[in-house]
Amino acid sequence: MPPQPSEPDAADLDLPRVLRALADPVRLDIVRYAHAHPGAPCSTILADVPKSTASHHWRVLREAGLLHQEPAGRQKLNHLRKAEVDTAYPGLLDAVLAGRE
């Protein structure tokens, strides 16, 4: 899956930006959910959050390079970019994902 225009290439991942994205508890839960449920639609992950707030969280995660969103009709399917993040920062996502299950 090639990155979308709002998603940085793997070589352009920025550690401070990735860490800022992961610092928010809601976004951290999104990352964990996307890892456990590859291809989950946006609507299933933040069903109880206002649409504008959810859009903000998706954008932050995409722009940090943590998520890839794939259009599928009227939905967007989410994929954690674990392999790309692991290449740039080995062990980071493993530590984040193991932090609280």
PDB file of N, CA and C in Angstrom:
ATOM      1  N   MET A   1       0.839  -1.183   0.000  1.00  0.00           N
ATOM      2  CA  MET A   1       0.000   0.000   0.000  1.00  0.00           C
ATOM      3  C   MET A   1       0.881   1.242   0.000  1.00  0.00           C
ATOM      4  N   PRO A   2       0.878   2.015  -1.050  1.00  0.00           N
ATOM      5  CA  PRO A   2       1.682   3.240  -1.041  1.00  0.00           C
ATOM      6  C   PRO A   2       1.074   4.265  -0.094  1.00  0.00           C
ATOM      7  N   PRO A   3       1.929   5.084   0.535  1.00  0.00           N
ATOM      8  CA  PRO A   3       1.388   6.088   1.445  1.00  0.00           C
ATOM      9  C   PRO A   3       0.536   7.111   0.715  1.00  0.00           C
ATOM     10  N   GLN A   4      -0.490   7.605   1.395  1.00  0.00           N
ATOM     11  CA  GLN A   4      -1.331   8.673   0.861  1.00  0.00           C
ATOM     12  C   GLN A   4      -0.557   9.985   0.980  1.00  0.00           C
ATOM     13  N   PRO A   5      -0.991  11.054   0.300  1.00  0.00           N
ATOM     14  CA  PRO A   5      -0.272  12.321   0.370  1.00  0.00           C
ATOM     15  C   PRO A   5      -0.069  12.846   1.793  1.00  0.00           C
ATOM     16  N   SER A   6      -0.991  12.556   2.710  1.00  0.00           N
ATOM     17  CA  SER A   6      -0.849  13.053   4.075  1.00  0.00           C
ATOM     18  C   SER A   6      -0.021  12.113   4.958  1.00  0.00           C
ATOM     19  N   GLU A   7       0.481  11.025   4.384  1.00  0.00           N
ATOM     20  CA  GLU A   7       1.289  10.064   5.127  1.00  0.00           C
ATOM     21  C   GLU A   7       2.740  10.177   4.676  1.00  0.00           C
ATOM     22  N   PRO A   8       3.678  10.349   5.610  1.00  0.00           N
ATOM     23  CA  PRO A   8       5.080  10.447   5.195  1.00  0.00           C
ATOM     24  C   PRO A   8       5.601   9.105   4.688  1.00  0.00           C
ATOM     25  N   ASP A   9       6.585   9.171   3.818  1.00  0.00           N
ATOM     26  CA  ASP A   9       7.272   7.952   3.409  1.00  0.00           C
ATOM     27  C   ASP A   9       8.005   7.391   4.616  1.00  0.00           C
ATOM     28  N   ALA A  10       8.298   6.116   4.584  1.00  0.00           N
ATOM     29  CA  ALA A  10       8.966   5.467   5.709  1.00  0.00           C
ATOM     30  C   ALA A  10      10.281   6.162   6.056  1.00  0.00           C
ATOM     31  N   ALA A  11      11.005   6.623   5.052  1.00  0.00           N
ATOM     32  CA  ALA A  11      12.293   7.286   5.290  1.00  0.00           C
ATOM     33  C   ALA A  11      12.132   8.645   5.956  1.00  0.00           C
ATOM     34  N   ASP A  12      10.932   9.205   5.919  1.00  0.00           N
ATOM     35  CA  ASP A  12      10.692  10.545   6.461  1.00  0.00           C
ATOM     36  C   ASP A  12       9.998  10.541   7.821  1.00  0.00           C
ATOM     37  N   LEU A  13       9.902   9.381   8.472  1.00  0.00           N
ATOM     38  CA  LEU A  13       9.278   9.339   9.793  1.00  0.00           C
ATOM     39  C   LEU A  13      10.123  10.149  10.770  1.00  0.00           C
ATOM     40  N   ASP A  14       9.458  10.938  11.581  1.00  0.00           N
ATOM     41  CA  ASP A  14      10.105  11.845  12.519  1.00  0.00           C
ATOM     42  C   ASP A  14       9.776  11.393  13.944  1.00  0.00           C
ATOM     43  N   LEU A  15      10.794  11.007  14.714  1.00  0.00           N
ATOM     44  CA  LEU A  15      10.564  10.456  16.044  1.00  0.00           C
ATOM     45  C   LEU A  15       9.773  11.383  16.957  1.00  0.00           C
ATOM     46  N   PRO A  16      10.098  12.676  17.066  1.00  0.00           N
ATOM     47  CA  PRO A  16       9.287  13.536  17.931  1.00  0.00           C
ATOM     48  C   PRO A  16       7.808  13.570  17.521  1.00  0.00           C
ATOM     49  N   ARG A  17       7.549  13.565  16.234  1.00  0.00           N
ATOM     50  CA  ARG A  17       6.158  13.587  15.763  1.00  0.00           C
ATOM     51  C   ARG A  17       5.447  12.278  16.098  1.00  0.00           C
ATOM     52  N   VAL A  18       6.140  11.171  15.936  1.00  0.00           N
ATOM     53  CA  VAL A  18       5.571   9.863  16.267  1.00  0.00           C
ATOM     54  C   VAL A  18       5.262   9.803  17.767  1.00  0.00           C
ATOM     55  N   LEU A  19       6.202  10.254  18.586  1.00  0.00           N
ATOM     56  CA  LEU A  19       5.992  10.210  20.037  1.00  0.00           C
ATOM     57  C   LEU A  19       4.863  11.137  20.480  1.00  0.00           C
ATOM     58  N   ARG A  20       4.752  12.320  19.859  1.00  0.00           N
ATOM     59  CA  ARG A  20       3.632  13.224  20.187  1.00  0.00           C
ATOM     60  C   ARG A  20       2.297  12.573  19.837  1.00  0.00           C
ATOM     61  N   ALA A  21       2.258  11.881  18.696  1.00  0.00           N
ATOM     62  CA  ALA A  21       1.015  11.208  18.296  1.00  0.00           C
ATOM     63  C   ALA A  21       0.650  10.107  19.290  1.00  0.00           C
ATOM     64  N   LEU A  22       1.646   9.401  19.785  1.00  0.00           N
ATOM     65  CA  LEU A  22       1.403   8.303  20.715  1.00  0.00           C
ATOM     66  C   LEU A  22       1.143   8.777  22.145  1.00  0.00           C
ATOM     67  N   ALA A  23       1.410  10.038  22.430  1.00  0.00           N
ATOM     68  CA  ALA A  23       1.268  10.557  23.791  1.00  0.00           C
ATOM     69  C   ALA A  23      -0.191  10.733  24.209  1.00  0.00           C
ATOM     70  N   ASP A  24      -1.103  10.811  23.268  1.00  0.00           N
ATOM     71  CA  ASP A  24      -2.519  10.978  23.585  1.00  0.00           C
ATOM     72  C   ASP A  24      -3.142   9.610  23.841  1.00  0.00           C
ATOM     73  N   PRO A  25      -3.837   9.433  24.972  1.00  0.00           N
ATOM     74  CA  PRO A  25      -4.412   8.119  25.291  1.00  0.00           C
ATOM     75  C   PRO A  25      -5.407   7.602  24.248  1.00  0.00           C
ATOM     76  N   VAL A  26      -6.179   8.483  23.643  1.00  0.00           N
ATOM     77  CA  VAL A  26      -7.148   8.047  22.619  1.00  0.00           C
ATOM     78  C   VAL A  26      -6.403   7.524  21.400  1.00  0.00           C
ATOM     79  N   ARG A  27      -5.380   8.254  20.971  1.00  0.00           N
ATOM     80  CA  ARG A  27      -4.614   7.804  19.792  1.00  0.00           C
ATOM     81  C   ARG A  27      -3.844   6.525  20.093  1.00  0.00           C
ATOM     82  N   LEU A  28      -3.366   6.390  21.315  1.00  0.00           N
ATOM     83  CA  LEU A  28      -2.677   5.169  21.708  1.00  0.00           C
ATOM     84  C   LEU A  28      -3.638   3.978  21.625  1.00  0.00           C
ATOM     85  N   ASP A  29      -4.862   4.172  22.081  1.00  0.00           N
ATOM     86  CA  ASP A  29      -5.876   3.114  21.958  1.00  0.00           C
ATOM     87  C   ASP A  29      -6.182   2.795  20.498  1.00  0.00           C
ATOM     88  N   ILE A  30      -6.210   3.821  19.647  1.00  0.00           N
ATOM     89  CA  ILE A  30      -6.450   3.601  18.214  1.00  0.00           C
ATOM     90  C   ILE A  30      -5.342   2.738  17.629  1.00  0.00           C
ATOM     91  N   VAL A  31      -4.093   3.048  17.962  1.00  0.00           N
ATOM     92  CA  VAL A  31      -2.950   2.283  17.449  1.00  0.00           C
ATOM     93  C   VAL A  31      -3.051   0.830  17.898  1.00  0.00           C
ATOM     94  N   ARG A  32      -3.375   0.627  19.155  1.00  0.00           N
ATOM     95  CA  ARG A  32      -3.507  -0.748  19.667  1.00  0.00           C
ATOM     96  C   ARG A  32      -4.659  -1.481  18.971  1.00  0.00           C
ATOM     97  N   TYR A  33      -5.766  -0.783  18.770  1.00  0.00           N
ATOM     98  CA  TYR A  33      -6.919  -1.396  18.099  1.00  0.00           C
ATOM     99  C   TYR A  33      -6.568  -1.730  16.645  1.00  0.00           C
ATOM    100  N   ALA A  34      -5.910  -0.803  15.955  1.00  0.00           N
ATOM    101  CA  ALA A  34      -5.541  -1.033  14.553  1.00  0.00           C
ATOM    102  C   ALA A  34      -4.579  -2.209  14.429  1.00  0.00           C
ATOM    103  N   HIS A  35      -3.729  -2.391  15.414  1.00  0.00           N
ATOM    104  CA  HIS A  35      -2.821  -3.539  15.396  1.00  0.00           C
ATOM    105  C   HIS A  35      -3.586  -4.844  15.581  1.00  0.00           C
ATOM    106  N   ALA A  36      -4.525  -4.842  16.510  1.00  0.00           N
ATOM    107  CA  ALA A  36      -5.296  -6.056  16.801  1.00  0.00           C
ATOM    108  C   ALA A  36      -6.343  -6.359  15.742  1.00  0.00           C
ATOM    109  N   HIS A  37      -6.799  -5.329  15.004  1.00  0.00           N
ATOM    110  CA  HIS A  37      -7.866  -5.489  14.011  1.00  0.00           C
ATOM    111  C   HIS A  37      -7.455  -4.818  12.696  1.00  0.00           C
ATOM    112  N   PRO A  38      -6.499  -5.406  11.959  1.00  0.00           N
ATOM    113  CA  PRO A  38      -6.056  -4.784  10.704  1.00  0.00           C
ATOM    114  C   PRO A  38      -7.220  -4.574   9.745  1.00  0.00           C
ATOM    115  N   GLY A  39      -7.274  -3.407   9.150  1.00  0.00           N
ATOM    116  CA  GLY A  39      -8.319  -3.099   8.189  1.00  0.00           C
ATOM    117  C   GLY A  39      -9.631  -2.678   8.813  1.00  0.00           C
ATOM    118  N   ALA A  40      -9.632  -2.406  10.111  1.00  0.00           N
ATOM    119  CA  ALA A  40     -10.872  -1.980  10.771  1.00  0.00           C
ATOM    120  C   ALA A  40     -11.296  -0.614  10.242  1.00  0.00           C
ATOM    121  N   PRO A  41     -12.589  -0.443   9.959  1.00  0.00           N
ATOM    122  CA  PRO A  41     -13.057   0.862   9.499  1.00  0.00           C
ATOM    123  C   PRO A  41     -13.027   1.885  10.631  1.00  0.00           C
ATOM    124  N   CYS A  42     -12.802   3.139  10.263  1.00  0.00           N
ATOM    125  CA  CYS A  42     -12.760   4.233  11.239  1.00  0.00           C
ATOM    126  C   CYS A  42     -13.989   4.238  12.127  1.00  0.00           C
ATOM    127  N   SER A  43     -15.140   3.992  11.547  1.00  0.00           N
ATOM    128  CA  SER A  43     -16.395   4.104  12.287  1.00  0.00           C
ATOM    129  C   SER A  43     -16.486   3.110  13.442  1.00  0.00           C
ATOM    130  N   THR A  44     -15.770   2.002  13.397  1.00  0.00           N
ATOM    131  CA  THR A  44     -15.854   1.020  14.476  1.00  0.00           C
ATOM    132  C   THR A  44     -14.907   1.331  15.622  1.00  0.00           C
ATOM    133  N   ILE A  45     -13.894   2.138  15.368  1.00  0.00           N
ATOM    134  CA  ILE A  45     -12.870   2.374  16.387  1.00  0.00           C
ATOM    135  C   ILE A  45     -13.265   3.512  17.321  1.00  0.00           C
ATOM    136  N   LEU A  46     -13.774   4.597  16.792  1.00  0.00           N
ATOM    137  CA  LEU A  46     -14.135   5.759  17.611  1.00  0.00           C
ATOM    138  C   LEU A  46     -15.625   6.058  17.485  1.00  0.00           C
ATOM    139  N   ALA A  47     -16.437   5.049  17.682  1.00  0.00           N
ATOM    140  CA  ALA A  47     -17.877   5.211  17.493  1.00  0.00           C
ATOM    141  C   ALA A  47     -18.497   6.208  18.472  1.00  0.00           C
ATOM    142  N   ASP A  48     -17.929   6.363  19.673  1.00  0.00           N
ATOM    143  CA  ASP A  48     -18.516   7.231  20.690  1.00  0.00           C
ATOM    144  C   ASP A  48     -17.887   8.627  20.738  1.00  0.00           C
ATOM    145  N   VAL A  49     -17.037   8.948  19.788  1.00  0.00           N
ATOM    146  CA  VAL A  49     -16.335  10.233  19.764  1.00  0.00           C
ATOM    147  C   VAL A  49     -16.946  11.105  18.674  1.00  0.00           C
ATOM    148  N   PRO A  50     -17.128  12.422  18.928  1.00  0.00           N
ATOM    149  CA  PRO A  50     -17.653  13.299  17.872  1.00  0.00           C
ATOM    150  C   PRO A  50     -16.801  13.203  16.599  1.00  0.00           C
ATOM    151  N   LYS A  51     -17.450  13.307  15.456  1.00  0.00           N
ATOM    152  CA  LYS A  51     -16.783  13.122  14.167  1.00  0.00           C
ATOM    153  C   LYS A  51     -15.584  14.052  13.995  1.00  0.00           C
ATOM    154  N   SER A  52     -15.704  15.317  14.414  1.00  0.00           N
ATOM    155  CA  SER A  52     -14.592  16.256  14.254  1.00  0.00           C
ATOM    156  C   SER A  52     -13.395  15.851  15.116  1.00  0.00           C
ATOM    157  N   THR A  53     -13.660  15.358  16.306  1.00  0.00           N
ATOM    158  CA  THR A  53     -12.577  14.907  17.193  1.00  0.00           C
ATOM    159  C   THR A  53     -11.916  13.663  16.614  1.00  0.00           C
ATOM    160  N   ALA A  54     -12.720  12.734  16.141  1.00  0.00           N
ATOM    161  CA  ALA A  54     -12.183  11.515  15.533  1.00  0.00           C
ATOM    162  C   ALA A  54     -11.321  11.857  14.320  1.00  0.00           C
ATOM    163  N   SER A  55     -11.786  12.771  13.479  1.00  0.00           N
ATOM    164  CA  SER A  55     -11.021  13.170  12.291  1.00  0.00           C
ATOM    165  C   SER A  55      -9.664  13.739  12.684  1.00  0.00           C
ATOM    166  N   HIS A  56      -9.651  14.511  13.762  1.00  0.00           N
ATOM    167  CA  HIS A  56      -8.381  15.073  14.240  1.00  0.00           C
ATOM    168  C   HIS A  56      -7.421  13.952  14.635  1.00  0.00           C
ATOM    169  N   HIS A  57      -7.896  12.967  15.385  1.00  0.00           N
ATOM    170  CA  HIS A  57      -7.034  11.864  15.812  1.00  0.00           C
ATOM    171  C   HIS A  57      -6.505  11.075  14.616  1.00  0.00           C
ATOM    172  N   TRP A  58      -7.370  10.796  13.639  1.00  0.00           N
ATOM    173  CA  TRP A  58      -6.930  10.070  12.433  1.00  0.00           C
ATOM    174  C   TRP A  58      -5.836  10.859  11.716  1.00  0.00           C
ATOM    175  N   ARG A  59      -6.055  12.171  11.570  1.00  0.00           N
ATOM    176  CA  ARG A  59      -5.085  13.010  10.850  1.00  0.00           C
ATOM    177  C   ARG A  59      -3.728  12.999  11.552  1.00  0.00           C
ATOM    178  N   VAL A  60      -3.719  13.163  12.859  1.00  0.00           N
ATOM    179  CA  VAL A  60      -2.461  13.175  13.611  1.00  0.00           C
ATOM    180  C   VAL A  60      -1.712  11.855  13.417  1.00  0.00           C
ATOM    181  N   LEU A  61      -2.414  10.750  13.504  1.00  0.00           N
ATOM    182  CA  LEU A  61      -1.781   9.446  13.339  1.00  0.00           C
ATOM    183  C   LEU A  61      -1.271   9.220  11.920  1.00  0.00           C
ATOM    184  N   ARG A  62      -2.054   9.647  10.921  1.00  0.00           N
ATOM    185  CA  ARG A  62      -1.609   9.531   9.518  1.00  0.00           C
ATOM    186  C   ARG A  62      -0.383  10.389   9.267  1.00  0.00           C
ATOM    187  N   GLU A  63      -0.438  11.643   9.694  1.00  0.00           N
ATOM    188  CA  GLU A  63       0.662  12.571   9.422  1.00  0.00           C
ATOM    189  C   GLU A  63       1.937  12.194  10.172  1.00  0.00           C
ATOM    190  N   ALA A  64       1.803  11.480  11.281  1.00  0.00           N
ATOM    191  CA  ALA A  64       2.974  10.990  12.006  1.00  0.00           C
ATOM    192  C   ALA A  64       3.555   9.746  11.334  1.00  0.00           C
ATOM    193  N   GLY A  65       2.779   9.123  10.458  1.00  0.00           N
ATOM    194  CA  GLY A  65       3.236   7.928   9.756  1.00  0.00           C
ATOM    195  C   GLY A  65       2.888   6.632  10.449  1.00  0.00           C
ATOM    196  N   LEU A  66       2.002   6.690  11.436  1.00  0.00           N
ATOM    197  CA  LEU A  66       1.637   5.489  12.182  1.00  0.00           C
ATOM    198  C   LEU A  66       0.517   4.681  11.525  1.00  0.00           C
ATOM    199  N   LEU A  67      -0.374   5.345  10.821  1.00  0.00           N
ATOM    200  CA  LEU A  67      -1.501   4.665  10.187  1.00  0.00           C
ATOM    201  C   LEU A  67      -1.536   4.938   8.697  1.00  0.00           C
ATOM    202  N   HIS A  68      -2.004   3.943   7.979  1.00  0.00           N
ATOM    203  CA  HIS A  68      -2.344   4.102   6.569  1.00  0.00           C
ATOM    204  C   HIS A  68      -3.848   3.903   6.484  1.00  0.00           C
ATOM    205  N   GLN A  69      -4.524   4.822   5.833  1.00  0.00           N
ATOM    206  CA  GLN A  69      -5.965   4.671   5.630  1.00  0.00           C
ATOM    207  C   GLN A  69      -6.227   4.384   4.169  1.00  0.00           C
ATOM    208  N   GLU A  70      -6.983   3.329   3.951  1.00  0.00           N
ATOM    209  CA  GLU A  70      -7.315   2.869   2.612  1.00  0.00           C
ATOM    210  C   GLU A  70      -8.791   3.130   2.351  1.00  0.00           C
ATOM    211  N   PRO A  71      -9.103   3.939   1.333  1.00  0.00           N
ATOM    212  CA  PRO A  71     -10.510   4.164   1.014  1.00  0.00           C
ATOM    213  C   PRO A  71     -11.185   2.872   0.571  1.00  0.00           C
ATOM    214  N   ALA A  72     -12.395   2.667   1.080  1.00  0.00           N
ATOM    215  CA  ALA A  72     -13.187   1.489   0.712  1.00  0.00           C
ATOM    216  C   ALA A  72     -14.645   1.929   0.661  1.00  0.00           C
ATOM    217  N   GLY A  73     -15.052   2.415  -0.493  1.00  0.00           N
ATOM    218  CA  GLY A  73     -16.410   2.946  -0.606  1.00  0.00           C
ATOM    219  C   GLY A  73     -16.539   4.202   0.225  1.00  0.00           C
ATOM    220  N   ARG A  74     -17.511   4.220   1.119  1.00  0.00           N
ATOM    221  CA  ARG A  74     -17.731   5.391   1.975  1.00  0.00           C
ATOM    222  C   ARG A  74     -16.938   5.328   3.272  1.00  0.00           C
ATOM    223  N   GLN A  75     -16.175   4.271   3.450  1.00  0.00           N
ATOM    224  CA  GLN A  75     -15.392   4.092   4.671  1.00  0.00           C
ATOM    225  C   GLN A  75     -13.907   4.221   4.379  1.00  0.00           C
ATOM    226  N   LYS A  76     -13.138   4.318   5.446  1.00  0.00           N
ATOM    227  CA  LYS A  76     -11.682   4.254   5.353  1.00  0.00           C
ATOM    228  C   LYS A  76     -11.231   3.127   6.269  1.00  0.00           C
ATOM    229  N   LEU A  77     -10.428   2.237   5.716  1.00  0.00           N
ATOM    230  CA  LEU A  77      -9.920   1.117   6.486  1.00  0.00           C
ATOM    231  C   LEU A  77      -8.529   1.468   7.007  1.00  0.00           C
ATOM    232  N   ASN A  78      -8.258   1.104   8.246  1.00  0.00           N
ATOM    233  CA  ASN A  78      -7.022   1.490   8.908  1.00  0.00           C
ATOM    234  C   ASN A  78      -6.037   0.339   9.004  1.00  0.00           C
ATOM    235  N   HIS A  79      -4.788   0.653   8.706  1.00  0.00           N
ATOM    236  CA  HIS A  79      -3.702  -0.318   8.804  1.00  0.00           C
ATOM    237  C   HIS A  79      -2.557   0.343   9.554  1.00  0.00           C
ATOM    238  N   LEU A  80      -2.091  -0.289  10.611  1.00  0.00           N
ATOM    239  CA  LEU A  80      -0.936   0.189  11.341  1.00  0.00           C
ATOM    240  C   LEU A  80       0.294  -0.033  10.473  1.00  0.00           C
ATOM    241  N   ARG A  81       1.119   0.984  10.339  1.00  0.00           N
ATOM    242  CA  ARG A  81       2.324   0.892   9.510  1.00  0.00           C
ATOM    243  C   ARG A  81       3.476   0.354  10.358  1.00  0.00           C
ATOM    244  N   LYS A  82       3.246  -0.795  10.966  1.00  0.00           N
ATOM    245  CA  LYS A  82       4.202  -1.348  11.921  1.00  0.00           C
ATOM    246  C   LYS A  82       5.555  -1.643  11.277  1.00  0.00           C
ATOM    247  N   ALA A  83       5.571  -2.256  10.121  1.00  0.00           N
ATOM    248  CA  ALA A  83       6.838  -2.616   9.481  1.00  0.00           C
ATOM    249  C   ALA A  83       7.681  -1.370   9.200  1.00  0.00           C
ATOM    250  N   GLU A  84       7.042  -0.305   8.708  1.00  0.00           N
ATOM    251  CA  GLU A  84       7.779   0.915   8.400  1.00  0.00           C
ATOM    252  C   GLU A  84       8.304   1.580   9.668  1.00  0.00           C
ATOM    253  N   VAL A  85       7.466   1.627  10.705  1.00  0.00           N
ATOM    254  CA  VAL A  85       7.903   2.236  11.974  1.00  0.00           C
ATOM    255  C   VAL A  85       8.999   1.378  12.606  1.00  0.00           C
ATOM    256  N   ASP A  86       8.852   0.060  12.537  1.00  0.00           N
ATOM    257  CA  ASP A  86       9.884  -0.827  13.087  1.00  0.00           C
ATOM    258  C   ASP A  86      11.219  -0.653  12.381  1.00  0.00           C
ATOM    259  N   THR A  87      11.197  -0.401  11.084  1.00  0.00           N
ATOM    260  CA  THR A  87      12.435  -0.181  10.345  1.00  0.00           C
ATOM    261  C   THR A  87      13.121   1.095  10.824  1.00  0.00           C
ATOM    262  N   ALA A  88      12.326   2.139  11.015  1.00  0.00           N
ATOM    263  CA  ALA A  88      12.893   3.425  11.440  1.00  0.00           C
ATOM    264  C   ALA A  88      13.267   3.432  12.918  1.00  0.00           C
ATOM    265  N   TYR A  89      12.424   2.820  13.757  1.00  0.00           N
ATOM    266  CA  TYR A  89      12.607   2.852  15.210  1.00  0.00           C
ATOM    267  C   TYR A  89      12.336   1.460  15.782  1.00  0.00           C
ATOM    268  N   PRO A  90      13.312   0.552  15.656  1.00  0.00           N
ATOM    269  CA  PRO A  90      13.103  -0.828  16.095  1.00  0.00           C
ATOM    270  C   PRO A  90      12.676  -0.906  17.570  1.00  0.00           C
ATOM    271  N   GLY A  91      11.639  -1.689  17.812  1.00  0.00           N
ATOM    272  CA  GLY A  91      11.171  -1.937  19.160  1.00  0.00           C
ATOM    273  C   GLY A  91      10.193  -0.924  19.717  1.00  0.00           C
ATOM    274  N   LEU A  92      10.049   0.236  19.075  1.00  0.00           N
ATOM    275  CA  LEU A  92       9.163   1.281  19.610  1.00  0.00           C
ATOM    276  C   LEU A  92       7.722   0.791  19.699  1.00  0.00           C
ATOM    277  N   LEU A  93       7.172   0.334  18.583  1.00  0.00           N
ATOM    278  CA  LEU A  93       5.781  -0.104  18.614  1.00  0.00           C
ATOM    279  C   LEU A  93       5.590  -1.366  19.444  1.00  0.00           C
ATOM    280  N   ASP A  94       6.587  -2.237  19.479  1.00  0.00           N
ATOM    281  CA  ASP A  94       6.464  -3.420  20.329  1.00  0.00           C
ATOM    282  C   ASP A  94       6.303  -3.004  21.778  1.00  0.00           C
ATOM    283  N   ALA A  95       7.071  -2.006  22.218  1.00  0.00           N
ATOM    284  CA  ALA A  95       6.962  -1.514  23.591  1.00  0.00           C
ATOM    285  C   ALA A  95       5.613  -0.862  23.822  1.00  0.00           C
ATOM    286  N   VAL A  96       5.140  -0.081  22.852  1.00  0.00           N
ATOM    287  CA  VAL A  96       3.848   0.596  22.982  1.00  0.00           C
ATOM    288  C   VAL A  96       2.711  -0.425  23.023  1.00  0.00           C
ATOM    289  N   LEU A  97       2.772  -1.404  22.144  1.00  0.00           N
ATOM    290  CA  LEU A  97       1.702  -2.400  22.067  1.00  0.00           C
ATOM    291  C   LEU A  97       1.681  -3.325  23.276  1.00  0.00           C
ATOM    292  N   ALA A  98       2.834  -3.537  23.897  1.00  0.00           N
ATOM    293  CA  ALA A  98       2.903  -4.405  25.068  1.00  0.00           C
ATOM    294  C   ALA A  98       2.578  -3.657  26.354  1.00  0.00           C
ATOM    295  N   GLY A  99       2.511  -2.347  26.281  1.00  0.00           N
ATOM    296  CA  GLY A  99       2.324  -1.526  27.469  1.00  0.00           C
ATOM    297  C   GLY A  99       1.060  -1.798  28.238  1.00  0.00           C
ATOM    298  N   ARG A 100      -0.041  -2.025  27.551  1.00  0.00           N
ATOM    299  CA  ARG A 100      -1.333  -2.263  28.220  1.00  0.00           C
ATOM    300  C   ARG A 100      -2.234  -2.975  27.218  1.00  0.00           C
ATOM    301  N   GLU A 101      -2.586  -4.136  27.521  1.00  0.00           N
ATOM    302  CA  GLU A 101      -3.471  -4.906  26.625  1.00  0.00           C
ATOM    303  C   GLU A 101      -4.846  -4.967  27.183  1.00  0.00           C
TER     304      GLU A 101
END
